[in-house]
Amino acid sequence: RKMVRWVSREDLAAVARLEEMCFSIPWSNTAIEEAFANELYRFVAVEEKGVIVGYANFRIVADEGEIEGVAVHPDSRRRGYGRKLMEAMVEYSRKKGVRDMTLDVRVNNEKAINLYESCGFVEEGRRKDYYREPTEDAIIMWRRGI
């Protein structure tokens, strides 16, 4: 049984482990803690049998939402957890008066791009050599009128 819920301070170590597992340049523990303490950011988790298997974080500035990261444990992928996290972020943002949401994604991260497209996000631009390790362009995606 999967459950989507807000991340608590006690969950931050699990969030940091997912960052390490899922990203070539993960956020540091300090960066995670600072974002968690910042009122603009929200962290949402999906858990299975009491264990956090995925998390996402986003921030809201004025009427725009920006998805910062979506991470699902490699052993728990292809079970709809990424979609659950995306839906939770969009729903919360809509309730808070957000009109448009954005994210960026590595140009070669096909699975993530497919997820984001299936959630209504479309490519609106690119940033050359935005990512490191490996160096890759970023696709900037938006979902307008959430």
C-alpha atoms as a PDB file:
ATOM      1  CA  ARG A   1       0.000   0.000   0.000  1.00  0.00           C
ATOM      2  CA  LYS A   2       1.463   3.322  -1.032  1.00  0.00           C
ATOM      3  CA  MET A   3       0.958   6.482   0.908  1.00  0.00           C
ATOM      4  CA  VAL A   4       1.829  10.026  -0.107  1.00  0.00           C
ATOM      5  CA  ARG A   5       2.525  12.417   2.752  1.00  0.00           C
ATOM      6  CA  TRP A   6       4.533  15.455   3.725  1.00  0.00           C
ATOM      7  CA  VAL A   7       8.145  14.900   4.733  1.00  0.00           C
ATOM      8  CA  SER A   8       8.919  15.464   8.405  1.00  0.00           C
ATOM      9  CA  ARG A   9      12.256  16.471   9.923  1.00  0.00           C
ATOM     10  CA  GLU A  10      12.743  12.829  10.954  1.00  0.00           C
ATOM     11  CA  ASP A  11      12.587  11.837   7.281  1.00  0.00           C
ATOM     12  CA  LEU A  12      15.482  14.012   6.122  1.00  0.00           C
ATOM     13  CA  ALA A  13      18.092  11.240   6.451  1.00  0.00           C
ATOM     14  CA  ALA A  14      15.972   9.035   4.156  1.00  0.00           C
ATOM     15  CA  VAL A  15      15.615  11.952   1.730  1.00  0.00           C
ATOM     16  CA  ALA A  16      19.407  12.417   1.729  1.00  0.00           C
ATOM     17  CA  ARG A  17      19.911   8.692   0.986  1.00  0.00           C
ATOM     18  CA  LEU A  18      17.529   8.909  -1.988  1.00  0.00           C
ATOM     19  CA  GLU A  19      19.396  11.995  -3.253  1.00  0.00           C
ATOM     20  CA  GLU A  20      22.680  10.051  -3.116  1.00  0.00           C
ATOM     21  CA  MET A  21      21.163   7.077  -4.904  1.00  0.00           C
ATOM     22  CA  CYS A  22      19.328   8.948  -7.647  1.00  0.00           C
ATOM     23  CA  PHE A  23      21.437  11.959  -8.645  1.00  0.00           C
ATOM     24  CA  SER A  24      25.019  12.273  -9.874  1.00  0.00           C
ATOM     25  CA  ILE A  25      25.312  15.575  -7.986  1.00  0.00           C
ATOM     26  CA  PRO A  26      22.999  15.181  -4.992  1.00  0.00           C
ATOM     27  CA  TRP A  27      21.942  17.977  -2.684  1.00  0.00           C
ATOM     28  CA  SER A  28      24.050  17.972   0.460  1.00  0.00           C
ATOM     29  CA  ASN A  29      22.476  17.284   3.852  1.00  0.00           C
ATOM     30  CA  THR A  30      22.899  20.991   4.608  1.00  0.00           C
ATOM     31  CA  ALA A  31      21.139  22.022   1.385  1.00  0.00           C
ATOM     32  CA  ILE A  32      18.283  19.624   2.159  1.00  0.00           C
ATOM     33  CA  GLU A  33      17.938  20.947   5.710  1.00  0.00           C
ATOM     34  CA  GLU A  34      18.048  24.575   4.565  1.00  0.00           C
ATOM     35  CA  ALA A  35      15.379  23.991   1.920  1.00  0.00           C
ATOM     36  CA  PHE A  36      13.244  22.050   4.403  1.00  0.00           C
ATOM     37  CA  ALA A  37      13.435  24.985   6.829  1.00  0.00           C
ATOM     38  CA  ASN A  38      12.579  27.511   4.081  1.00  0.00           C
ATOM     39  CA  GLU A  39       8.868  28.301   3.973  1.00  0.00           C
ATOM     40  CA  LEU A  40       8.890  28.516   0.155  1.00  0.00           C
ATOM     41  CA  TYR A  41       9.816  24.824  -0.189  1.00  0.00           C
ATOM     42  CA  ARG A  42       7.656  21.761   0.282  1.00  0.00           C
ATOM     43  CA  PHE A  43       8.825  18.148   0.473  1.00  0.00           C
ATOM     44  CA  VAL A  44       6.479  15.263  -0.265  1.00  0.00           C
ATOM     45  CA  ALA A  45       7.232  11.566   0.175  1.00  0.00           C
ATOM     46  CA  VAL A  46       5.739   8.290  -0.931  1.00  0.00           C
ATOM     47  CA  GLU A  47       6.141   5.372   1.401  1.00  0.00           C
ATOM     48  CA  GLU A  48       5.540   1.670   1.102  1.00  0.00           C
ATOM     49  CA  LYS A  49       5.140  -0.420   4.255  1.00  0.00           C
ATOM     50  CA  GLY A  50       6.383   2.479   6.357  1.00  0.00           C
ATOM     51  CA  VAL A  51       9.561   3.030   4.313  1.00  0.00           C
ATOM     52  CA  ILE A  52      10.115   6.140   2.199  1.00  0.00           C
ATOM     53  CA  VAL A  53      10.749   4.915  -1.347  1.00  0.00           C
ATOM     54  CA  GLY A  54      10.466   8.259  -3.102  1.00  0.00           C
ATOM     55  CA  TYR A  55      10.347  11.946  -2.491  1.00  0.00           C
ATOM     56  CA  ALA A  56      10.033  15.198  -4.375  1.00  0.00           C
ATOM     57  CA  ASN A  57      10.555  18.806  -3.477  1.00  0.00           C
ATOM     58  CA  PHE A  58       9.236  21.988  -4.982  1.00  0.00           C
ATOM     59  CA  ARG A  59       8.863  25.622  -4.192  1.00  0.00           C
ATOM     60  CA  ILE A  60       6.228  28.212  -4.807  1.00  0.00           C
ATOM     61  CA  VAL A  61       7.076  31.811  -5.601  1.00  0.00           C
ATOM     62  CA  ALA A  62       4.101  34.078  -6.269  1.00  0.00           C
ATOM     63  CA  ASP A  63       1.890  32.139  -8.707  1.00  0.00           C
ATOM     64  CA  GLU A  64       4.605  29.857 -10.061  1.00  0.00           C
ATOM     65  CA  GLY A  65       5.679  26.453  -8.852  1.00  0.00           C
ATOM     66  CA  GLU A  66       9.123  25.061  -9.508  1.00  0.00           C
ATOM     67  CA  ILE A  67       9.783  21.348  -9.111  1.00  0.00           C
ATOM     68  CA  GLU A  68      13.315  20.939  -7.808  1.00  0.00           C
ATOM     69  CA  GLY A  69      13.654  17.175  -7.751  1.00  0.00           C
ATOM     70  CA  VAL A  70      11.813  13.876  -7.989  1.00  0.00           C
ATOM     71  CA  ALA A  71      13.589  10.763  -6.712  1.00  0.00           C
ATOM     72  CA  VAL A  72      12.367   7.182  -6.492  1.00  0.00           C
ATOM     73  CA  HIS A  73      14.491   4.335  -5.128  1.00  0.00           C
ATOM     74  CA  PRO A  74      15.805   2.217  -8.033  1.00  0.00           C
ATOM     75  CA  ASP A  75      14.129  -0.921  -6.596  1.00  0.00           C
ATOM     76  CA  SER A  76      10.750   0.852  -6.426  1.00  0.00           C
ATOM     77  CA  ARG A  77      10.565   2.335  -9.911  1.00  0.00           C
ATOM     78  CA  ARG A  78       7.843   1.615 -12.481  1.00  0.00           C
ATOM     79  CA  ARG A  79       5.172   1.397  -9.779  1.00  0.00           C
ATOM     80  CA  GLY A  80       3.602   4.817 -10.296  1.00  0.00           C
ATOM     81  CA  TYR A  81       5.371   6.531  -7.404  1.00  0.00           C
ATOM     82  CA  GLY A  82       6.803   9.324  -9.549  1.00  0.00           C
ATOM     83  CA  ARG A  83       3.320  10.072 -10.858  1.00  0.00           C
ATOM     84  CA  LYS A  84       1.873  10.104  -7.326  1.00  0.00           C
ATOM     85  CA  LEU A  85       4.530  12.619  -6.281  1.00  0.00           C
ATOM     86  CA  MET A  86       3.889  14.791  -9.349  1.00  0.00           C
ATOM     87  CA  GLU A  87       0.130  14.731  -8.756  1.00  0.00           C
ATOM     88  CA  ALA A  88       0.581  15.710  -5.099  1.00  0.00           C
ATOM     89  CA  MET A  89       2.787  18.688  -6.023  1.00  0.00           C
ATOM     90  CA  VAL A  90       0.432  19.930  -8.736  1.00  0.00           C
ATOM     91  CA  GLU A  91      -2.656  19.525  -6.535  1.00  0.00           C
ATOM     92  CA  TYR A  92      -1.110  21.371  -3.592  1.00  0.00           C
ATOM     93  CA  SER A  93       0.189  24.130  -5.870  1.00  0.00           C
ATOM     94  CA  ARG A  94      -3.208  24.564  -7.502  1.00  0.00           C
ATOM     95  CA  LYS A  95      -4.816  25.006  -4.073  1.00  0.00           C
ATOM     96  CA  LYS A  96      -2.207  27.655  -3.247  1.00  0.00           C
ATOM     97  CA  GLY A  97      -3.106  29.702  -6.332  1.00  0.00           C
ATOM     98  CA  VAL A  98      -0.241  28.581  -8.565  1.00  0.00           C
ATOM     99  CA  ARG A  99      -1.039  28.969 -12.251  1.00  0.00           C
ATOM    100  CA  ASP A 100       2.049  27.522 -13.943  1.00  0.00           C
ATOM    101  CA  MET A 101       4.653  24.966 -12.906  1.00  0.00           C
ATOM    102  CA  THR A 102       8.129  24.416 -14.280  1.00  0.00           C
ATOM    103  CA  LEU A 103      10.995  21.969 -13.953  1.00  0.00           C
ATOM    104  CA  ASP A 104      14.204  21.145 -15.730  1.00  0.00           C
ATOM    105  CA  VAL A 105      15.470  17.731 -16.630  1.00  0.00           C
ATOM    106  CA  ARG A 106      18.550  16.205 -18.208  1.00  0.00           C
ATOM    107  CA  VAL A 107      18.135  15.898 -21.968  1.00  0.00           C
ATOM    108  CA  ASN A 108      18.992  12.167 -21.813  1.00  0.00           C
ATOM    109  CA  ASN A 109      16.717  11.278 -18.891  1.00  0.00           C
ATOM    110  CA  GLU A 110      14.028   9.712 -21.082  1.00  0.00           C
ATOM    111  CA  LYS A 111      12.105   8.045 -18.262  1.00  0.00           C
ATOM    112  CA  ALA A 112      11.731  11.326 -16.379  1.00  0.00           C
ATOM    113  CA  ILE A 113      10.829  13.227 -19.550  1.00  0.00           C
ATOM    114  CA  ASN A 114       8.134  10.644 -20.342  1.00  0.00           C
ATOM    115  CA  LEU A 115       6.733  10.974 -16.821  1.00  0.00           C
ATOM    116  CA  TYR A 116       6.674  14.769 -16.971  1.00  0.00           C
ATOM    117  CA  GLU A 117       5.063  14.789 -20.428  1.00  0.00           C
ATOM    118  CA  SER A 118       2.414  12.344 -19.232  1.00  0.00           C
ATOM    119  CA  CYS A 119       1.700  14.784 -16.371  1.00  0.00           C
ATOM    120  CA  GLY A 120       1.064  17.628 -18.814  1.00  0.00           C
ATOM    121  CA  PHE A 121       4.496  19.277 -18.938  1.00  0.00           C
ATOM    122  CA  VAL A 122       5.857  20.389 -22.317  1.00  0.00           C
ATOM    123  CA  GLU A 123       9.310  21.488 -23.423  1.00  0.00           C
ATOM    124  CA  GLU A 124       9.615  25.251 -23.750  1.00  0.00           C
ATOM    125  CA  GLY A 125      13.374  25.686 -23.932  1.00  0.00           C
ATOM    126  CA  ARG A 126      16.835  24.340 -23.267  1.00  0.00           C
ATOM    127  CA  ARG A 127      19.872  25.375 -21.260  1.00  0.00           C
ATOM    128  CA  LYS A 128      23.149  24.394 -22.900  1.00  0.00           C
ATOM    129  CA  ASP A 129      25.539  22.342 -20.735  1.00  0.00           C
ATOM    130  CA  TYR A 130      23.451  23.064 -17.629  1.00  0.00           C
ATOM    131  CA  TYR A 131      24.203  19.796 -15.866  1.00  0.00           C
ATOM    132  CA  ARG A 132      27.546  18.346 -14.792  1.00  0.00           C
ATOM    133  CA  GLU A 133      28.772  14.770 -14.286  1.00  0.00           C
ATOM    134  CA  PRO A 134      28.012  14.190 -17.095  1.00  0.00           C
ATOM    135  CA  THR A 135      27.735  17.540 -18.861  1.00  0.00           C
ATOM    136  CA  GLU A 136      24.323  17.696 -20.500  1.00  0.00           C
ATOM    137  CA  ASP A 137      21.759  20.206 -21.656  1.00  0.00           C
ATOM    138  CA  ALA A 138      18.679  20.837 -19.547  1.00  0.00           C
ATOM    139  CA  ILE A 139      15.205  20.719 -21.028  1.00  0.00           C
ATOM    140  CA  ILE A 140      13.012  23.379 -19.436  1.00  0.00           C
ATOM    141  CA  MET A 141       9.436  22.142 -19.177  1.00  0.00           C
ATOM    142  CA  TRP A 142       6.271  23.973 -18.166  1.00  0.00           C
ATOM    143  CA  ARG A 143       2.718  23.029 -17.338  1.00  0.00           C
ATOM    144  CA  ARG A 144       0.595  26.102 -17.920  1.00  0.00           C
ATOM    145  CA  GLY A 145      -2.771  26.720 -16.349  1.00  0.00           C
ATOM    146  CA  ILE A 146      -2.720  23.979 -13.739  1.00  0.00           C
END
